[in-house]
Amino acid sequence: SMTPALIESGYFPTMVTHMIRLGEQSGELESMLAIIAENYKD
């Protein structure tokens, strides 16, 4: 998974890595990333 290295860096919030992991497991990673990006934009 891509999340362990992101968590280890300490620069990616827990909510972000948790949603990325959910996206990987559900096969909807791109849509999950789009939601995170929109929230962070605001």
Full PDB file with SEQRES, HELIX, SHEET, SSBOND, CRYST1, ORIGX, SCALE, CONECT and MASTER records, all heavy atoms in Angstrom:
SEQRES   1 A   42  SER MET THR PRO ALA LEU ILE GLU SER GLY TYR PHE PRO          
SEQRES   2 A   42  THR MET VAL THR HIS MET ILE ARG LEU GLY GLU GLN SER          
SEQRES   3 A   42  GLY GLU LEU GLU SER MET LEU ALA ILE ILE ALA GLU ASN          
SEQRES   4 A   42  TYR LYS ASP                                                  
HELIX    1 AA1 THR A    3  SER A    9  1                                   7    
HELIX    2 AA2 THR A   14  SER A   26  1                                  13    
HELIX    3 AA3 LEU A   29  LYS A   41  1                                  13    
CRYST1    1.000    1.000    1.000  90.00  90.00  90.00 P 1           1          
ORIGX1      1.000000  0.000000  0.000000        0.00000                         
ORIGX2      0.000000  1.000000  0.000000        0.00000                         
ORIGX3      0.000000  0.000000  1.000000        0.00000                         
SCALE1      1.000000  0.000000  0.000000        0.00000                         
SCALE2      0.000000  1.000000  0.000000        0.00000                         
SCALE3      0.000000  0.000000  1.000000        0.00000                         
ATOM      1  N   SER A   1       0.838  -1.192   0.000  1.00  0.00           N  
ATOM      2  CA  SER A   1       0.000   0.000   0.000  1.00  0.00           C  
ATOM      3  C   SER A   1       0.878   1.249   0.000  1.00  0.00           C  
ATOM      4  O   SER A   1       2.026   1.216   0.466  1.00  0.00           O  
ATOM      5  CB  SER A   1      -0.912  -0.003   1.232  1.00  0.00           C  
ATOM      6  OG  SER A   1      -1.539   1.261   1.400  1.00  0.00           O  
ATOM      7  N   MET A   2       0.339   2.352  -0.510  1.00  0.00           N  
ATOM      8  CA  MET A   2       1.105   3.590  -0.528  1.00  0.00           C  
ATOM      9  C   MET A   2       1.068   4.334   0.806  1.00  0.00           C  
ATOM     10  O   MET A   2       1.869   5.226   1.046  1.00  0.00           O  
ATOM     11  CB  MET A   2       0.595   4.519  -1.637  1.00  0.00           C  
ATOM     12  CG  MET A   2      -0.763   5.134  -1.381  1.00  0.00           C  
ATOM     13  SD  MET A   2      -1.164   6.466  -2.545  1.00  0.00           S  
ATOM     14  CE  MET A   2      -1.306   5.545  -4.067  1.00  0.00           C  
ATOM     15  N   THR A   3       0.144   3.968   1.691  1.00  0.00           N  
ATOM     16  CA  THR A   3      -0.065   4.762   2.909  1.00  0.00           C  
ATOM     17  C   THR A   3       1.028   4.641   3.971  1.00  0.00           C  
ATOM     18  O   THR A   3       1.315   5.639   4.644  1.00  0.00           O  
ATOM     19  CB  THR A   3      -1.427   4.422   3.538  1.00  0.00           C  
ATOM     20  OG1 THR A   3      -1.536   3.004   3.713  1.00  0.00           O  
ATOM     21  CG2 THR A   3      -2.561   4.899   2.656  1.00  0.00           C  
ATOM     22  N   PRO A   4       1.656   3.461   4.218  1.00  0.00           N  
ATOM     23  CA  PRO A   4       2.664   3.394   5.297  1.00  0.00           C  
ATOM     24  C   PRO A   4       3.777   4.418   5.168  1.00  0.00           C  
ATOM     25  O   PRO A   4       4.168   5.050   6.158  1.00  0.00           O  
ATOM     26  CB  PRO A   4       3.195   1.958   5.181  1.00  0.00           C  
ATOM     27  CG  PRO A   4       2.061   1.186   4.611  1.00  0.00           C  
ATOM     28  CD  PRO A   4       1.414   2.125   3.636  1.00  0.00           C  
ATOM     29  N   ALA A   5       4.299   4.605   3.946  1.00  0.00           N  
ATOM     30  CA  ALA A   5       5.389   5.569   3.750  1.00  0.00           C  
ATOM     31  C   ALA A   5       4.899   6.999   3.969  1.00  0.00           C  
ATOM     32  O   ALA A   5       5.638   7.841   4.500  1.00  0.00           O  
ATOM     33  CB  ALA A   5       5.967   5.422   2.351  1.00  0.00           C  
ATOM     34  N   LEU A   6       3.650   7.282   3.568  1.00  0.00           N  
ATOM     35  CA  LEU A   6       3.091   8.619   3.785  1.00  0.00           C  
ATOM     36  C   LEU A   6       2.902   8.890   5.275  1.00  0.00           C  
ATOM     37  O   LEU A   6       3.153   9.998   5.752  1.00  0.00           O  
ATOM     38  CB  LEU A   6       1.755   8.754   3.042  1.00  0.00           C  
ATOM     39  CG  LEU A   6       1.797   8.546   1.519  1.00  0.00           C  
ATOM     40  CD1 LEU A   6       0.405   8.720   0.929  1.00  0.00           C  
ATOM     41  CD2 LEU A   6       2.779   9.510   0.862  1.00  0.00           C  
ATOM     42  N   ILE A   7       2.454   7.858   6.008  1.00  0.00           N  
ATOM     43  CA  ILE A   7       2.277   8.004   7.460  1.00  0.00           C  
ATOM     44  C   ILE A   7       3.628   8.210   8.136  1.00  0.00           C  
ATOM     45  O   ILE A   7       3.779   9.056   9.021  1.00  0.00           O  
ATOM     46  CB  ILE A   7       1.568   6.761   8.041  1.00  0.00           C  
ATOM     47  CG1 ILE A   7       0.140   6.655   7.498  1.00  0.00           C  
ATOM     48  CG2 ILE A   7       1.547   6.816   9.570  1.00  0.00           C  
ATOM     49  CD1 ILE A   7      -0.561   5.366   7.850  1.00  0.00           C  
ATOM     50  N   GLU A   8       4.620   7.431   7.710  1.00  0.00           N  
ATOM     51  CA  GLU A   8       5.954   7.500   8.311  1.00  0.00           C  
ATOM     52  C   GLU A   8       6.579   8.880   8.142  1.00  0.00           C  
ATOM     53  O   GLU A   8       7.313   9.355   9.017  1.00  0.00           O  
ATOM     54  CB  GLU A   8       6.857   6.441   7.679  1.00  0.00           C  
ATOM     55  CG  GLU A   8       8.243   6.364   8.297  1.00  0.00           C  
ATOM     56  CD  GLU A   8       9.133   5.357   7.590  1.00  0.00           C  
ATOM     57  OE1 GLU A   8       8.630   4.620   6.716  1.00  0.00           O  
ATOM     58  OE2 GLU A   8      10.335   5.314   7.913  1.00  0.00           O  
ATOM     59  N   SER A   9       6.306   9.559   7.038  1.00  0.00           N  
ATOM     60  CA  SER A   9       6.898  10.879   6.798  1.00  0.00           C  
ATOM     61  C   SER A   9       6.426  11.910   7.815  1.00  0.00           C  
ATOM     62  O   SER A   9       7.169  12.837   8.156  1.00  0.00           O  
ATOM     63  CB  SER A   9       6.558  11.357   5.388  1.00  0.00           C  
ATOM     64  OG  SER A   9       5.176  11.680   5.284  1.00  0.00           O  
ATOM     65  N   GLY A  10       5.195  11.752   8.306  1.00  0.00           N  
ATOM     66  CA  GLY A  10       4.652  12.694   9.275  1.00  0.00           C  
ATOM     67  C   GLY A  10       4.080  13.955   8.660  1.00  0.00           C  
ATOM     68  O   GLY A  10       3.607  14.834   9.376  1.00  0.00           O  
ATOM     69  N   TYR A  11       4.102  14.065   7.333  1.00  0.00           N  
ATOM     70  CA  TYR A  11       3.618  15.271   6.658  1.00  0.00           C  
ATOM     71  C   TYR A  11       2.199  15.111   6.102  1.00  0.00           C  
ATOM     72  O   TYR A  11       1.604  16.089   5.673  1.00  0.00           O  
ATOM     73  CB  TYR A  11       4.566  15.652   5.517  1.00  0.00           C  
ATOM     74  CG  TYR A  11       5.976  15.925   5.976  1.00  0.00           C  
ATOM     75  CD1 TYR A  11       7.068  15.271   5.396  1.00  0.00           C  
ATOM     76  CD2 TYR A  11       6.229  16.828   7.007  1.00  0.00           C  
ATOM     77  CE1 TYR A  11       8.358  15.517   5.826  1.00  0.00           C  
ATOM     78  CE2 TYR A  11       7.521  17.067   7.446  1.00  0.00           C  
ATOM     79  CZ  TYR A  11       8.573  16.410   6.849  1.00  0.00           C  
ATOM     80  OH  TYR A  11       9.855  16.643   7.286  1.00  0.00           O  
ATOM     81  N   PHE A  12       1.697  13.896   6.108  1.00  0.00           N  
ATOM     82  CA  PHE A  12       0.347  13.643   5.606  1.00  0.00           C  
ATOM     83  C   PHE A  12      -0.579  13.365   6.792  1.00  0.00           C  
ATOM     84  O   PHE A  12      -0.322  12.432   7.564  1.00  0.00           O  
ATOM     85  CB  PHE A  12       0.339  12.464   4.634  1.00  0.00           C  
ATOM     86  CG  PHE A  12       0.987  12.752   3.314  1.00  0.00           C  
ATOM     87  CD1 PHE A  12       2.371  12.777   3.193  1.00  0.00           C  
ATOM     88  CD2 PHE A  12       0.217  13.018   2.188  1.00  0.00           C  
ATOM     89  CE1 PHE A  12       2.974  13.049   1.974  1.00  0.00           C  
ATOM     90  CE2 PHE A  12       0.810  13.291   0.967  1.00  0.00           C  
ATOM     91  CZ  PHE A  12       2.184  13.311   0.863  1.00  0.00           C  
ATOM     92  N   PRO A  13      -1.634  14.166   6.958  1.00  0.00           N  
ATOM     93  CA  PRO A  13      -2.542  14.001   8.097  1.00  0.00           C  
ATOM     94  C   PRO A  13      -3.169  12.604   8.137  1.00  0.00           C  
ATOM     95  O   PRO A  13      -3.309  11.940   7.107  1.00  0.00           O  
ATOM     96  CB  PRO A  13      -3.611  15.075   7.857  1.00  0.00           C  
ATOM     97  CG  PRO A  13      -2.957  16.078   6.975  1.00  0.00           C  
ATOM     98  CD  PRO A  13      -2.004  15.307   6.116  1.00  0.00           C  
ATOM     99  N   THR A  14      -3.548  12.190   9.334  1.00  0.00           N  
ATOM    100  CA  THR A  14      -4.138  10.867   9.527  1.00  0.00           C  
ATOM    101  C   THR A  14      -5.399  10.687   8.687  1.00  0.00           C  
ATOM    102  O   THR A  14      -5.636   9.618   8.117  1.00  0.00           O  
ATOM    103  CB  THR A  14      -4.469  10.653  11.009  1.00  0.00           C  
ATOM    104  OG1 THR A  14      -3.288  10.858  11.783  1.00  0.00           O  
ATOM    105  CG2 THR A  14      -4.977   9.245  11.257  1.00  0.00           C  
ATOM    106  N   MET A  15      -6.216  11.734   8.608  1.00  0.00           N  
ATOM    107  CA  MET A  15      -7.452  11.647   7.833  1.00  0.00           C  
ATOM    108  C   MET A  15      -7.150  11.354   6.365  1.00  0.00           C  
ATOM    109  O   MET A  15      -7.833  10.539   5.727  1.00  0.00           O  
ATOM    110  CB  MET A  15      -8.241  12.948   7.941  1.00  0.00           C  
ATOM    111  CG  MET A  15      -9.576  12.922   7.201  1.00  0.00           C  
ATOM    112  SD  MET A  15     -10.198  14.562   6.805  1.00  0.00           S  
ATOM    113  CE  MET A  15      -9.113  15.040   5.461  1.00  0.00           C  
ATOM    114  N   VAL A  16      -6.118  11.994   5.827  1.00  0.00           N  
ATOM    115  CA  VAL A  16      -5.754  11.807   4.415  1.00  0.00           C  
ATOM    116  C   VAL A  16      -5.294  10.376   4.164  1.00  0.00           C  
ATOM    117  O   VAL A  16      -5.759   9.714   3.228  1.00  0.00           O  
ATOM    118  CB  VAL A  16      -4.657  12.810   4.010  1.00  0.00           C  
ATOM    119  CG1 VAL A  16      -4.145  12.507   2.605  1.00  0.00           C  
ATOM    120  CG2 VAL A  16      -5.192  14.235   4.074  1.00  0.00           C  
ATOM    121  N   THR A  17      -4.378   9.890   4.990  1.00  0.00           N  
ATOM    122  CA  THR A  17      -3.864   8.527   4.794  1.00  0.00           C  
ATOM    123  C   THR A  17      -4.972   7.493   5.006  1.00  0.00           C  
ATOM    124  O   THR A  17      -5.000   6.463   4.318  1.00  0.00           O  
ATOM    125  CB  THR A  17      -2.698   8.249   5.754  1.00  0.00           C  
ATOM    126  OG1 THR A  17      -3.105   8.519   7.106  1.00  0.00           O  
ATOM    127  CG2 THR A  17      -1.501   9.142   5.414  1.00  0.00           C  
ATOM    128  N   HIS A  18      -5.882   7.750   5.949  1.00  0.00           N  
ATOM    129  CA  HIS A  18      -6.993   6.828   6.194  1.00  0.00           C  
ATOM    130  C   HIS A  18      -7.917   6.758   4.968  1.00  0.00           C  
ATOM    131  O   HIS A  18      -8.325   5.665   4.549  1.00  0.00           O  
ATOM    132  CB  HIS A  18      -7.784   7.277   7.419  1.00  0.00           C  
ATOM    133  CG  HIS A  18      -8.920   6.371   7.772  1.00  0.00           C  
ATOM    134  ND1 HIS A  18      -8.732   5.065   8.198  1.00  0.00           N  
ATOM    135  CD2 HIS A  18     -10.266   6.571   7.759  1.00  0.00           C  
ATOM    136  CE1 HIS A  18      -9.901   4.504   8.436  1.00  0.00           C  
ATOM    137  NE2 HIS A  18     -10.851   5.392   8.169  1.00  0.00           N  
ATOM    138  N   MET A  19      -8.219   7.915   4.375  1.00  0.00           N  
ATOM    139  CA  MET A  19      -9.089   7.934   3.195  1.00  0.00           C  
ATOM    140  C   MET A  19      -8.397   7.307   1.993  1.00  0.00           C  
ATOM    141  O   MET A  19      -9.042   6.642   1.176  1.00  0.00           O  
ATOM    142  CB  MET A  19      -9.510   9.372   2.888  1.00  0.00           C  
ATOM    143  CG  MET A  19     -10.449   9.970   3.921  1.00  0.00           C  
ATOM    144  SD  MET A  19     -11.010  11.644   3.489  1.00  0.00           S  
ATOM    145  CE  MET A  19     -12.093  11.297   2.090  1.00  0.00           C  
ATOM    146  N   ILE A  20      -7.085   7.504   1.863  1.00  0.00           N  
ATOM    147  CA  ILE A  20      -6.347   6.869   0.765  1.00  0.00           C  
ATOM    148  C   ILE A  20      -6.388   5.353   0.915  1.00  0.00           C  
ATOM    149  O   ILE A  20      -6.599   4.616  -0.064  1.00  0.00           O  
ATOM    150  CB  ILE A  20      -4.893   7.378   0.720  1.00  0.00           C  
ATOM    151  CG1 ILE A  20      -4.851   8.845   0.273  1.00  0.00           C  
ATOM    152  CG2 ILE A  20      -4.050   6.527  -0.237  1.00  0.00           C  
ATOM    153  CD1 ILE A  20      -3.465   9.457   0.324  1.00  0.00           C  
ATOM    154  N   ARG A  21      -6.208   4.868   2.154  1.00  0.00           N  
ATOM    155  CA  ARG A  21      -6.261   3.422   2.388  1.00  0.00           C  
ATOM    156  C   ARG A  21      -7.645   2.871   2.040  1.00  0.00           C  
ATOM    157  O   ARG A  21      -7.764   1.801   1.422  1.00  0.00           O  
ATOM    158  CB  ARG A  21      -5.935   3.110   3.846  1.00  0.00           C  
ATOM    159  CG  ARG A  21      -5.923   1.611   4.143  1.00  0.00           C  
ATOM    160  CD  ARG A  21      -5.631   1.295   5.587  1.00  0.00           C  
ATOM    161  NE  ARG A  21      -4.210   1.434   5.880  1.00  0.00           N  
ATOM    162  CZ  ARG A  21      -3.711   2.361   6.685  1.00  0.00           C  
ATOM    163  NH1 ARG A  21      -4.516   3.233   7.272  1.00  0.00           N  
ATOM    164  NH2 ARG A  21      -2.420   2.413   6.924  1.00  0.00           N  
ATOM    165  N   LEU A  22      -8.688   3.601   2.419  1.00  0.00           N  
ATOM    166  CA  LEU A  22     -10.053   3.175   2.081  1.00  0.00           C  
ATOM    167  C   LEU A  22     -10.257   3.156   0.567  1.00  0.00           C  
ATOM    168  O   LEU A  22     -10.906   2.250   0.029  1.00  0.00           O  
ATOM    169  CB  LEU A  22     -11.076   4.117   2.727  1.00  0.00           C  
ATOM    170  CG  LEU A  22     -11.239   4.021   4.251  1.00  0.00           C  
ATOM    171  CD1 LEU A  22     -12.217   5.075   4.751  1.00  0.00           C  
ATOM    172  CD2 LEU A  22     -11.733   2.626   4.644  1.00  0.00           C  
ATOM    173  N   GLY A  23      -9.691   4.148  -0.121  1.00  0.00           N  
ATOM    174  CA  GLY A  23      -9.790   4.199  -1.572  1.00  0.00           C  
ATOM    175  C   GLY A  23      -9.089   3.029  -2.232  1.00  0.00           C  
ATOM    176  O   GLY A  23      -9.580   2.460  -3.208  1.00  0.00           O  
ATOM    177  N   GLU A  24      -7.907   2.646  -1.694  1.00  0.00           N  
ATOM    178  CA  GLU A  24      -7.178   1.496  -2.232  1.00  0.00           C  
ATOM    179  C   GLU A  24      -7.973   0.208  -2.037  1.00  0.00           C  
ATOM    180  O   GLU A  24      -8.041  -0.640  -2.934  1.00  0.00           O  
ATOM    181  CB  GLU A  24      -5.814   1.380  -1.543  1.00  0.00           C  
ATOM    182  CG  GLU A  24      -4.810   2.454  -1.949  1.00  0.00           C  
ATOM    183  CD  GLU A  24      -3.499   2.329  -1.195  1.00  0.00           C  
ATOM    184  OE1 GLU A  24      -3.533   2.021   0.014  1.00  0.00           O  
ATOM    185  OE2 GLU A  24      -2.440   2.549  -1.808  1.00  0.00           O  
ATOM    186  N   GLN A  25      -8.568   0.066  -0.847  1.00  0.00           N  
ATOM    187  CA  GLN A  25      -9.300  -1.165  -0.534  1.00  0.00           C  
ATOM    188  C   GLN A  25     -10.602  -1.286  -1.317  1.00  0.00           C  
ATOM    189  O   GLN A  25     -11.022  -2.391  -1.676  1.00  0.00           O  
ATOM    190  CB  GLN A  25      -9.587  -1.222   0.977  1.00  0.00           C  
ATOM    191  CG  GLN A  25      -8.332  -1.374   1.833  1.00  0.00           C  
ATOM    192  CD  GLN A  25      -8.615  -1.223   3.312  1.00  0.00           C  
ATOM    193  OE1 GLN A  25      -9.731  -0.883   3.713  1.00  0.00           O  
ATOM    194  NE2 GLN A  25      -7.602  -1.493   4.143  1.00  0.00           N  
ATOM    195  N   SER A  26     -11.241  -0.139  -1.576  1.00  0.00           N  
ATOM    196  CA  SER A  26     -12.529  -0.161  -2.273  1.00  0.00           C  
ATOM    197  C   SER A  26     -12.391  -0.056  -3.793  1.00  0.00           C  
ATOM    198  O   SER A  26     -13.372  -0.193  -4.521  1.00  0.00           O  
ATOM    199  CB  SER A  26     -13.410   0.988  -1.767  1.00  0.00           C  
ATOM    200  OG  SER A  26     -12.816   2.240  -2.062  1.00  0.00           O  
ATOM    201  N   GLY A  27     -11.171   0.217  -4.269  1.00  0.00           N  
ATOM    202  CA  GLY A  27     -10.963   0.360  -5.701  1.00  0.00           C  
ATOM    203  C   GLY A  27     -11.436   1.690  -6.254  1.00  0.00           C  
ATOM    204  O   GLY A  27     -11.616   1.840  -7.460  1.00  0.00           O  
ATOM    205  N   GLU A  28     -11.650   2.668  -5.388  1.00  0.00           N  
ATOM    206  CA  GLU A  28     -12.103   3.997  -5.808  1.00  0.00           C  
ATOM    207  C   GLU A  28     -11.113   5.072  -5.351  1.00  0.00           C  
ATOM    208  O   GLU A  28     -11.486   6.106  -4.806  1.00  0.00           O  
ATOM    209  CB  GLU A  28     -13.498   4.284  -5.240  1.00  0.00           C  
ATOM    210  CG  GLU A  28     -14.565   3.315  -5.742  1.00  0.00           C  
ATOM    211  CD  GLU A  28     -15.932   3.633  -5.176  1.00  0.00           C  
ATOM    212  OE1 GLU A  28     -16.023   4.570  -4.358  1.00  0.00           O  
ATOM    213  OE2 GLU A  28     -16.902   2.961  -5.550  1.00  0.00           O  
ATOM    214  N   LEU A  29      -9.853   4.778  -5.586  1.00  0.00           N  
ATOM    215  CA  LEU A  29      -8.794   5.675  -5.102  1.00  0.00           C  
ATOM    216  C   LEU A  29      -8.887   7.058  -5.725  1.00  0.00           C  
ATOM    217  O   LEU A  29      -8.751   8.073  -5.032  1.00  0.00           O  
ATOM    218  CB  LEU A  29      -7.419   5.057  -5.393  1.00  0.00           C  
ATOM    219  CG  LEU A  29      -6.195   5.860  -4.927  1.00  0.00           C  
ATOM    220  CD1 LEU A  29      -6.235   6.121  -3.436  1.00  0.00           C  
ATOM    221  CD2 LEU A  29      -4.904   5.129  -5.308  1.00  0.00           C  
ATOM    222  N   GLU A  30      -9.125   7.131  -7.053  1.00  0.00           N  
ATOM    223  CA  GLU A  30      -9.146   8.440  -7.713  1.00  0.00           C  
ATOM    224  C   GLU A  30     -10.269   9.332  -7.194  1.00  0.00           C  
ATOM    225  O   GLU A  30     -10.067  10.534  -6.990  1.00  0.00           O  
ATOM    226  CB  GLU A  30      -9.244   8.288  -9.234  1.00  0.00           C  
ATOM    227  CG  GLU A  30     -10.425   7.493  -9.736  1.00  0.00           C  
ATOM    228  CD  GLU A  30     -10.081   6.029  -9.957  1.00  0.00           C  
ATOM    229  OE1 GLU A  30      -9.220   5.507  -9.234  1.00  0.00           O  
ATOM    230  OE2 GLU A  30     -10.690   5.432 -10.861  1.00  0.00           O  
ATOM    231  N   SER A  31     -11.453   8.759  -6.950  1.00  0.00           N  
ATOM    232  CA  SER A  31     -12.574   9.564  -6.443  1.00  0.00           C  
ATOM    233  C   SER A  31     -12.318  10.000  -5.009  1.00  0.00           C  
ATOM    234  O   SER A  31     -12.659  11.125  -4.623  1.00  0.00           O  
ATOM    235  CB  SER A  31     -13.886   8.775  -6.528  1.00  0.00           C  
ATOM    236  OG  SER A  31     -13.803   7.577  -5.775  1.00  0.00           O  
ATOM    237  N   MET A  32     -11.680   9.142  -4.206  1.00  0.00           N  
ATOM    238  CA  MET A  32     -11.349   9.494  -2.829  1.00  0.00           C  
ATOM    239  C   MET A  32     -10.309  10.618  -2.803  1.00  0.00           C  
ATOM    240  O   MET A  32     -10.403  11.557  -2.002  1.00  0.00           O  
ATOM    241  CB  MET A  32     -10.823   8.266  -2.089  1.00  0.00           C  
ATOM    242  CG  MET A  32     -10.833   8.401  -0.573  1.00  0.00           C  
ATOM    243  SD  MET A  32     -12.501   8.433   0.102  1.00  0.00           S  
ATOM    244  CE  MET A  32     -12.947   6.706  -0.028  1.00  0.00           C  
ATOM    245  N   LEU A  33      -9.325  10.534  -3.689  1.00  0.00           N  
ATOM    246  CA  LEU A  33      -8.304  11.587  -3.777  1.00  0.00           C  
ATOM    247  C   LEU A  33      -8.920  12.912  -4.215  1.00  0.00           C  
ATOM    248  O   LEU A  33      -8.516  13.982  -3.751  1.00  0.00           O  
ATOM    249  CB  LEU A  33      -7.208  11.167  -4.759  1.00  0.00           C  
ATOM    250  CG  LEU A  33      -6.261  10.057  -4.298  1.00  0.00           C  
ATOM    251  CD1 LEU A  33      -5.432   9.538  -5.460  1.00  0.00           C  
ATOM    252  CD2 LEU A  33      -5.359  10.548  -3.175  1.00  0.00           C  
ATOM    253  N   ALA A  34      -9.901  12.848  -5.116  1.00  0.00           N  
ATOM    254  CA  ALA A  34     -10.573  14.064  -5.582  1.00  0.00           C  
ATOM    255  C   ALA A  34     -11.326  14.738  -4.438  1.00  0.00           C  
ATOM    256  O   ALA A  34     -11.335  15.973  -4.321  1.00  0.00           O  
ATOM    257  CB  ALA A  34     -11.544  13.724  -6.719  1.00  0.00           C  
ATOM    258  N   ILE A  35     -11.946  13.943  -3.568  1.00  0.00           N  
ATOM    259  CA  ILE A  35     -12.669  14.497  -2.406  1.00  0.00           C  
ATOM    260  C   ILE A  35     -11.692  15.187  -1.462  1.00  0.00           C  
ATOM    261  O   ILE A  35     -11.941  16.303  -0.993  1.00  0.00           O  
ATOM    262  CB  ILE A  35     -13.435  13.371  -1.675  1.00  0.00           C  
ATOM    263  CG1 ILE A  35     -14.563  12.829  -2.552  1.00  0.00           C  
ATOM    264  CG2 ILE A  35     -13.995  13.884  -0.346  1.00  0.00           C  
ATOM    265  CD1 ILE A  35     -15.221  11.587  -1.998  1.00  0.00           C  
ATOM    266  N   ILE A  36     -10.565  14.525  -1.194  1.00  0.00           N  
ATOM    267  CA  ILE A  36      -9.549  15.119  -0.310  1.00  0.00           C  
ATOM    268  C   ILE A  36      -9.034  16.426  -0.896  1.00  0.00           C  
ATOM    269  O   ILE A  36      -8.898  17.435  -0.198  1.00  0.00           O  
ATOM    270  CB  ILE A  36      -8.373  14.145  -0.100  1.00  0.00           C  
ATOM    271  CG1 ILE A  36      -8.853  12.849   0.542  1.00  0.00           C  
ATOM    272  CG2 ILE A  36      -7.297  14.791   0.788  1.00  0.00           C  
ATOM    273  CD1 ILE A  36      -7.788  11.759   0.580  1.00  0.00           C  
ATOM    274  N   ALA A  37      -8.738  16.420  -2.206  1.00  0.00           N  
ATOM    275  CA  ALA A  37      -8.197  17.617  -2.865  1.00  0.00           C  
ATOM    276  C   ALA A  37      -9.177  18.773  -2.782  1.00  0.00           C  
ATOM    277  O   ALA A  37      -8.776  19.925  -2.533  1.00  0.00           O  
ATOM    278  CB  ALA A  37      -7.875  17.298  -4.324  1.00  0.00           C  
ATOM    279  N   GLU A  38     -10.463  18.520  -2.977  1.00  0.00           N  
ATOM    280  CA  GLU A  38     -11.475  19.577  -2.924  1.00  0.00           C  
ATOM    281  C   GLU A  38     -11.587  20.154  -1.514  1.00  0.00           C  
ATOM    282  O   GLU A  38     -11.678  21.370  -1.329  1.00  0.00           O  
ATOM    283  CB  GLU A  38     -12.831  19.013  -3.372  1.00  0.00           C  
ATOM    284  CG  GLU A  38     -13.896  20.076  -3.591  1.00  0.00           C  
ATOM    285  CD  GLU A  38     -13.551  21.036  -4.717  1.00  0.00           C  
ATOM    286  OE1 GLU A  38     -12.857  20.621  -5.662  1.00  0.00           O  
ATOM    287  OE2 GLU A  38     -13.984  22.207  -4.634  1.00  0.00           O  
ATOM    288  N   ASN A  39     -11.559  19.262  -0.498  1.00  0.00           N  
ATOM    289  CA  ASN A  39     -11.621  19.733   0.893  1.00  0.00           C  
ATOM    290  C   ASN A  39     -10.413  20.593   1.245  1.00  0.00           C  
ATOM    291  O   ASN A  39     -10.536  21.625   1.910  1.00  0.00           O  
ATOM    292  CB  ASN A  39     -11.710  18.539   1.849  1.00  0.00           C  
ATOM    293  CG  ASN A  39     -13.043  17.823   1.762  1.00  0.00           C  
ATOM    294  OD1 ASN A  39     -14.045  18.416   1.354  1.00  0.00           O  
ATOM    295  ND2 ASN A  39     -13.075  16.555   2.133  1.00  0.00           N  
ATOM    296  N   TYR A  40      -9.234  20.157   0.783  1.00  0.00           N  
ATOM    297  CA  TYR A  40      -8.018  20.902   1.096  1.00  0.00           C  
ATOM    298  C   TYR A  40      -7.966  22.229   0.348  1.00  0.00           C  
ATOM    299  O   TYR A  40      -7.409  23.211   0.861  1.00  0.00           O  
ATOM    300  CB  TYR A  40      -6.780  20.046   0.771  1.00  0.00           C  
ATOM    301  CG  TYR A  40      -6.274  19.308   1.980  1.00  0.00           C  
ATOM    302  CD1 TYR A  40      -6.985  18.231   2.500  1.00  0.00           C  
ATOM    303  CD2 TYR A  40      -5.115  19.691   2.626  1.00  0.00           C  
ATOM    304  CE1 TYR A  40      -6.540  17.557   3.621  1.00  0.00           C  
ATOM    305  CE2 TYR A  40      -4.653  19.022   3.751  1.00  0.00           C  
ATOM    306  CZ  TYR A  40      -5.378  17.950   4.241  1.00  0.00           C  
ATOM    307  OH  TYR A  40      -4.943  17.302   5.359  1.00  0.00           O  
ATOM    308  N   LYS A  41      -8.543  22.271  -0.828  1.00  0.00           N  
ATOM    309  CA  LYS A  41      -8.607  23.520  -1.583  1.00  0.00           C  
ATOM    310  C   LYS A  41      -9.380  24.574  -0.804  1.00  0.00           C  
ATOM    311  O   LYS A  41      -8.929  25.722  -0.657  1.00  0.00           O  
ATOM    312  CB  LYS A  41      -9.275  23.272  -2.935  1.00  0.00           C  
ATOM    313  CG  LYS A  41      -9.446  24.519  -3.785  1.00  0.00           C  
ATOM    314  CD  LYS A  41     -10.191  24.198  -5.072  1.00  0.00           C  
ATOM    315  CE  LYS A  41     -10.488  25.458  -5.869  1.00  0.00           C  
ATOM    316  NZ  LYS A  41     -11.264  25.162  -7.097  1.00  0.00           N  
ATOM    317  N   ASP A  42     -10.538  24.200  -0.274  1.00  0.00           N  
ATOM    318  CA  ASP A  42     -11.349  25.134   0.509  1.00  0.00           C  
ATOM    319  C   ASP A  42     -10.637  25.527   1.795  1.00  0.00           C  
ATOM    320  O   ASP A  42     -10.663  26.695   2.209  1.00  0.00           O  
ATOM    321  CB  ASP A  42     -12.710  24.513   0.839  1.00  0.00           C  
ATOM    322  CG  ASP A  42     -13.540  24.240  -0.408  1.00  0.00           C  
ATOM    323  OD1 ASP A  42     -13.291  24.910  -1.429  1.00  0.00           O  
ATOM    324  OD2 ASP A  42     -14.419  23.357  -0.368  1.00  0.00           O  
TER     325      ASP A  42                                                      
MASTER        0    0    0    3    0    0    0    6  324    1    0    4          
END                                                                             
